[in-house]
Amino acid sequence: MDLSILWYLIPSVLMFACGVYGFITRRNMVAILISLELMLNSADLNFVIFNRFLFPGSMEGMVFTLFAIAIAAAETALAIAIIINIYRSVGSTDIRETTKMKF
């Protein structure tokens, strides 16, 4: 493996590790959503890095990353709408409070 690719992969791994840590330790739904987005952005960064180093002349990794960012934006909008509805019915965004919802 080329040593210069490591300088790009290390921030991606750190971003993913911070996202996993935040996803596991947070109780607030918005903080969990932010951690999930951090993990998705780390994966997008990997798409760009590997496209740049494996296929320098092509743009497939960049196009796929833009598509993934668009999907992540739609997913975030939907998740925030769900969180707002949960907040209106429960009165909190704590993940433990959602067990009090009526189905």
N, C-alpha and C. Protein backbone atom coordinates (compact mmCIF):
# COMPACT_ATOMS: atom_id res chain seq x y z
N MET A 1 0.85 -1.18 0.00
CA MET A 1 0.00 0.00 0.00
C MET A 1 0.89 1.24 0.00
N ASP A 2 0.51 2.18 -0.78
CA ASP A 2 1.25 3.43 -0.88
C ASP A 2 1.16 4.18 0.44
N LEU A 3 2.29 4.72 0.88
CA LEU A 3 2.32 5.42 2.16
C LEU A 3 1.50 6.70 2.14
N SER A 4 1.39 7.32 0.98
CA SER A 4 0.64 8.58 0.92
C SER A 4 -0.86 8.39 1.09
N ILE A 5 -1.36 7.18 0.81
CA ILE A 5 -2.79 6.94 1.00
C ILE A 5 -3.14 6.89 2.49
N LEU A 6 -2.17 6.53 3.33
CA LEU A 6 -2.43 6.47 4.77
C LEU A 6 -2.74 7.85 5.35
N TRP A 7 -2.13 8.89 4.79
CA TRP A 7 -2.41 10.24 5.28
C TRP A 7 -3.86 10.64 5.03
N TYR A 8 -4.51 10.00 4.07
CA TYR A 8 -5.92 10.26 3.79
C TYR A 8 -6.84 9.30 4.55
N LEU A 9 -6.38 8.10 4.77
CA LEU A 9 -7.21 7.10 5.44
C LEU A 9 -7.27 7.30 6.95
N ILE A 10 -6.23 7.84 7.55
CA ILE A 10 -6.22 8.04 9.00
C ILE A 10 -7.35 8.97 9.45
N PRO A 11 -7.58 10.14 8.82
CA PRO A 11 -8.72 10.96 9.24
C PRO A 11 -10.06 10.26 9.03
N SER A 12 -10.15 9.46 7.98
CA SER A 12 -11.39 8.74 7.74
C SER A 12 -11.66 7.72 8.84
N VAL A 13 -10.63 7.02 9.24
CA VAL A 13 -10.78 6.04 10.33
C VAL A 13 -11.11 6.74 11.64
N LEU A 14 -10.48 7.87 11.90
CA LEU A 14 -10.78 8.63 13.12
C LEU A 14 -12.23 9.14 13.11
N MET A 15 -12.69 9.61 11.96
CA MET A 15 -14.08 10.05 11.86
C MET A 15 -15.04 8.91 12.13
N PHE A 16 -14.76 7.75 11.55
CA PHE A 16 -15.63 6.60 11.74
C PHE A 16 -15.62 6.14 13.19
N ALA A 17 -14.44 6.14 13.82
CA ALA A 17 -14.35 5.73 15.22
C ALA A 17 -15.10 6.70 16.13
N CYS A 18 -15.01 7.99 15.86
CA CYS A 18 -15.77 8.98 16.65
C CYS A 18 -17.26 8.79 16.45
N GLY A 19 -17.66 8.47 15.24
CA GLY A 19 -19.07 8.23 14.97
C GLY A 19 -19.60 7.00 15.69
N VAL A 20 -18.82 5.92 15.69
CA VAL A 20 -19.23 4.71 16.41
C VAL A 20 -19.31 4.97 17.90
N TYR A 21 -18.32 5.67 18.43
CA TYR A 21 -18.33 6.00 19.86
C TYR A 21 -19.54 6.84 20.23
N GLY A 22 -19.83 7.85 19.42
CA GLY A 22 -21.00 8.69 19.68
C GLY A 22 -22.31 7.94 19.54
N PHE A 23 -22.38 7.04 18.57
CA PHE A 23 -23.60 6.26 18.37
C PHE A 23 -23.87 5.33 19.54
N ILE A 24 -22.81 4.77 20.11
CA ILE A 24 -22.98 3.82 21.21
C ILE A 24 -23.24 4.53 22.53
N THR A 25 -22.60 5.67 22.77
CA THR A 25 -22.65 6.29 24.09
C THR A 25 -23.74 7.34 24.26
N ARG A 26 -24.25 7.92 23.21
CA ARG A 26 -25.23 9.00 23.33
C ARG A 26 -26.62 8.46 23.60
N ARG A 27 -27.42 9.28 24.29
CA ARG A 27 -28.80 8.92 24.57
C ARG A 27 -29.78 9.84 23.84
N ASN A 28 -29.29 10.96 23.38
CA ASN A 28 -30.12 11.92 22.66
C ASN A 28 -30.23 11.49 21.20
N MET A 29 -31.44 11.48 20.66
CA MET A 29 -31.64 11.01 19.29
C MET A 29 -30.93 11.89 18.26
N VAL A 30 -30.87 13.18 18.51
CA VAL A 30 -30.21 14.08 17.57
C VAL A 30 -28.70 13.81 17.57
N ALA A 31 -28.11 13.58 18.74
CA ALA A 31 -26.68 13.26 18.81
C ALA A 31 -26.39 11.92 18.13
N ILE A 32 -27.29 10.96 18.27
CA ILE A 32 -27.12 9.68 17.59
C ILE A 32 -27.18 9.88 16.08
N LEU A 33 -28.08 10.72 15.61
CA LEU A 33 -28.19 11.01 14.18
C LEU A 33 -26.92 11.69 13.66
N ILE A 34 -26.37 12.61 14.44
CA ILE A 34 -25.12 13.27 14.04
C ILE A 34 -23.98 12.26 13.96
N SER A 35 -23.93 11.33 14.92
CA SER A 35 -22.89 10.30 14.89
C SER A 35 -23.04 9.40 13.67
N LEU A 36 -24.26 9.07 13.33
CA LEU A 36 -24.51 8.26 12.15
C LEU A 36 -24.07 8.99 10.88
N GLU A 37 -24.35 10.27 10.81
CA GLU A 37 -23.92 11.06 9.65
C GLU A 37 -22.40 11.15 9.57
N LEU A 38 -21.74 11.20 10.73
CA LEU A 38 -20.28 11.22 10.74
C LEU A 38 -19.72 9.92 10.16
N MET A 39 -20.35 8.79 10.48
CA MET A 39 -19.91 7.51 9.92
C MET A 39 -20.16 7.46 8.41
N LEU A 40 -21.30 7.99 7.96
CA LEU A 40 -21.58 8.00 6.53
C LEU A 40 -20.60 8.90 5.77
N ASN A 41 -20.24 10.03 6.36
CA ASN A 41 -19.27 10.92 5.71
C ASN A 41 -17.89 10.27 5.65
N SER A 42 -17.55 9.48 6.65
CA SER A 42 -16.29 8.76 6.61
C SER A 42 -16.28 7.75 5.47
N ALA A 43 -17.38 7.06 5.26
CA ALA A 43 -17.47 6.11 4.15
C ALA A 43 -17.38 6.84 2.81
N ASP A 44 -18.02 8.00 2.70
CA ASP A 44 -17.93 8.80 1.47
C ASP A 44 -16.50 9.24 1.20
N LEU A 45 -15.81 9.61 2.26
CA LEU A 45 -14.41 10.00 2.11
C LEU A 45 -13.57 8.83 1.60
N ASN A 46 -13.87 7.63 2.07
CA ASN A 46 -13.15 6.45 1.58
C ASN A 46 -13.43 6.20 0.10
N PHE A 47 -14.66 6.43 -0.35
CA PHE A 47 -14.96 6.28 -1.78
C PHE A 47 -14.08 7.21 -2.62
N VAL A 48 -13.94 8.43 -2.18
CA VAL A 48 -13.14 9.40 -2.93
C VAL A 48 -11.66 9.03 -2.87
N ILE A 49 -11.19 8.62 -1.71
CA ILE A 49 -9.77 8.28 -1.56
C ILE A 49 -9.40 7.10 -2.45
N PHE A 50 -10.18 6.03 -2.39
CA PHE A 50 -9.83 4.85 -3.18
C PHE A 50 -10.02 5.09 -4.68
N ASN A 51 -10.98 5.90 -5.05
CA ASN A 51 -11.12 6.24 -6.46
C ASN A 51 -9.92 7.03 -6.94
N ARG A 52 -9.44 7.94 -6.12
CA ARG A 52 -8.32 8.79 -6.50
C ARG A 52 -7.04 7.97 -6.68
N PHE A 53 -6.82 7.01 -5.79
CA PHE A 53 -5.56 6.26 -5.84
C PHE A 53 -5.62 5.03 -6.74
N LEU A 54 -6.78 4.40 -6.89
CA LEU A 54 -6.86 3.20 -7.72
C LEU A 54 -7.15 3.52 -9.18
N PHE A 55 -8.01 4.51 -9.42
CA PHE A 55 -8.40 4.88 -10.78
C PHE A 55 -8.29 6.41 -10.92
N PRO A 56 -7.08 6.94 -11.09
CA PRO A 56 -6.89 8.39 -11.08
C PRO A 56 -7.63 9.15 -12.17
N GLY A 57 -7.89 8.50 -13.30
CA GLY A 57 -8.52 9.21 -14.40
C GLY A 57 -10.04 9.17 -14.41
N SER A 58 -10.65 8.35 -13.57
CA SER A 58 -12.10 8.21 -13.61
C SER A 58 -12.76 8.98 -12.47
N MET A 59 -14.08 9.14 -12.62
CA MET A 59 -14.84 9.93 -11.65
C MET A 59 -15.95 9.13 -10.97
N GLU A 60 -15.90 7.79 -11.06
CA GLU A 60 -16.99 6.99 -10.51
C GLU A 60 -17.11 7.16 -9.00
N GLY A 61 -15.99 7.21 -8.30
CA GLY A 61 -16.03 7.39 -6.84
C GLY A 61 -16.63 8.71 -6.45
N MET A 62 -16.33 9.77 -7.21
CA MET A 62 -16.89 11.09 -6.91
C MET A 62 -18.39 11.12 -7.16
N VAL A 63 -18.82 10.51 -8.25
CA VAL A 63 -20.25 10.49 -8.57
C VAL A 63 -21.01 9.67 -7.53
N PHE A 64 -20.45 8.53 -7.15
CA PHE A 64 -21.09 7.70 -6.14
C PHE A 64 -21.15 8.44 -4.80
N THR A 65 -20.12 9.20 -4.47
CA THR A 65 -20.12 9.98 -3.23
C THR A 65 -21.18 11.06 -3.26
N LEU A 66 -21.34 11.75 -4.37
CA LEU A 66 -22.39 12.77 -4.47
C LEU A 66 -23.78 12.14 -4.34
N PHE A 67 -23.96 10.97 -4.93
CA PHE A 67 -25.22 10.26 -4.79
C PHE A 67 -25.46 9.85 -3.34
N ALA A 68 -24.42 9.38 -2.65
CA ALA A 68 -24.55 8.99 -1.25
C ALA A 68 -24.85 10.19 -0.36
N ILE A 69 -24.27 11.35 -0.67
CA ILE A 69 -24.55 12.56 0.10
C ILE A 69 -26.00 12.98 -0.09
N ALA A 70 -26.52 12.87 -1.31
CA ALA A 70 -27.92 13.21 -1.55
C ALA A 70 -28.86 12.27 -0.80
N ILE A 71 -28.55 10.98 -0.79
CA ILE A 71 -29.35 10.02 -0.05
C ILE A 71 -29.27 10.30 1.45
N ALA A 72 -28.09 10.64 1.95
CA ALA A 72 -27.92 10.94 3.37
C ALA A 72 -28.69 12.19 3.77
N ALA A 73 -28.77 13.17 2.88
CA ALA A 73 -29.54 14.38 3.19
C ALA A 73 -31.03 14.07 3.29
N ALA A 74 -31.52 13.23 2.39
CA ALA A 74 -32.93 12.84 2.46
C ALA A 74 -33.20 12.01 3.71
N GLU A 75 -32.28 11.13 4.05
CA GLU A 75 -32.42 10.31 5.26
C GLU A 75 -32.41 11.18 6.51
N THR A 76 -31.56 12.20 6.53
CA THR A 76 -31.51 13.09 7.68
C THR A 76 -32.80 13.89 7.83
N ALA A 77 -33.34 14.36 6.74
CA ALA A 77 -34.61 15.10 6.80
C ALA A 77 -35.73 14.22 7.34
N LEU A 78 -35.78 12.99 6.89
CA LEU A 78 -36.79 12.06 7.38
C LEU A 78 -36.57 11.73 8.86
N ALA A 79 -35.33 11.52 9.26
CA ALA A 79 -35.04 11.20 10.66
C ALA A 79 -35.36 12.37 11.57
N ILE A 80 -35.09 13.59 11.14
CA ILE A 80 -35.43 14.76 11.96
C ILE A 80 -36.94 14.90 12.09
N ALA A 81 -37.67 14.61 11.03
CA ALA A 81 -39.14 14.66 11.11
C ALA A 81 -39.66 13.62 12.11
N ILE A 82 -39.08 12.44 12.10
CA ILE A 82 -39.48 11.40 13.06
C ILE A 82 -39.13 11.83 14.48
N ILE A 83 -37.94 12.40 14.67
CA ILE A 83 -37.53 12.86 16.00
C ILE A 83 -38.45 13.96 16.50
N ILE A 84 -38.86 14.87 15.63
CA ILE A 84 -39.78 15.94 16.04
C ILE A 84 -41.12 15.36 16.46
N ASN A 85 -41.62 14.37 15.73
CA ASN A 85 -42.88 13.73 16.12
C ASN A 85 -42.75 13.00 17.44
N ILE A 86 -41.64 12.34 17.67
CA ILE A 86 -41.41 11.67 18.95
C ILE A 86 -41.34 12.71 20.07
N TYR A 87 -40.67 13.82 19.81
CA TYR A 87 -40.58 14.87 20.83
C TYR A 87 -41.96 15.44 21.17
N ARG A 88 -42.78 15.60 20.16
CA ARG A 88 -44.14 16.12 20.41
C ARG A 88 -44.98 15.15 21.23
N SER A 89 -44.82 13.86 21.02
CA SER A 89 -45.65 12.90 21.74
C SER A 89 -45.08 12.54 23.10
N VAL A 90 -43.76 12.47 23.22
CA VAL A 90 -43.14 12.05 24.48
C VAL A 90 -42.68 13.24 25.30
N GLY A 91 -42.19 14.28 24.65
CA GLY A 91 -41.69 15.46 25.35
C GLY A 91 -40.20 15.43 25.60
N SER A 92 -39.50 14.46 25.02
CA SER A 92 -38.07 14.33 25.20
C SER A 92 -37.48 13.64 23.98
N THR A 93 -36.19 13.87 23.76
CA THR A 93 -35.50 13.17 22.67
C THR A 93 -34.56 12.11 23.23
N ASP A 94 -34.73 11.78 24.50
CA ASP A 94 -33.93 10.72 25.11
C ASP A 94 -34.39 9.37 24.57
N ILE A 95 -33.45 8.55 24.19
CA ILE A 95 -33.77 7.28 23.55
C ILE A 95 -34.49 6.34 24.51
N ARG A 96 -34.26 6.49 25.81
CA ARG A 96 -34.93 5.62 26.78
C ARG A 96 -36.39 6.00 26.99
N GLU A 97 -36.75 7.19 26.65
CA GLU A 97 -38.12 7.65 26.85
C GLU A 97 -39.07 7.14 25.77
N THR A 98 -38.54 6.62 24.68
CA THR A 98 -39.41 6.16 23.59
C THR A 98 -40.15 4.89 23.95
N THR A 99 -39.77 4.22 24.99
CA THR A 99 -40.49 3.01 25.40
C THR A 99 -41.84 3.36 26.01
N LYS A 100 -42.05 4.63 26.33
CA LYS A 100 -43.32 5.05 26.92
C LYS A 100 -44.37 5.39 25.88
N MET A 101 -44.02 5.28 24.59
CA MET A 101 -44.96 5.61 23.54
C MET A 101 -46.04 4.54 23.44
N LYS A 102 -47.22 4.95 23.04
CA LYS A 102 -48.31 4.00 22.84
C LYS A 102 -48.33 3.60 21.38
N PHE A 103 -48.52 2.33 21.12
CA PHE A 103 -48.56 1.84 19.75
C PHE A 103 -49.97 1.50 19.36
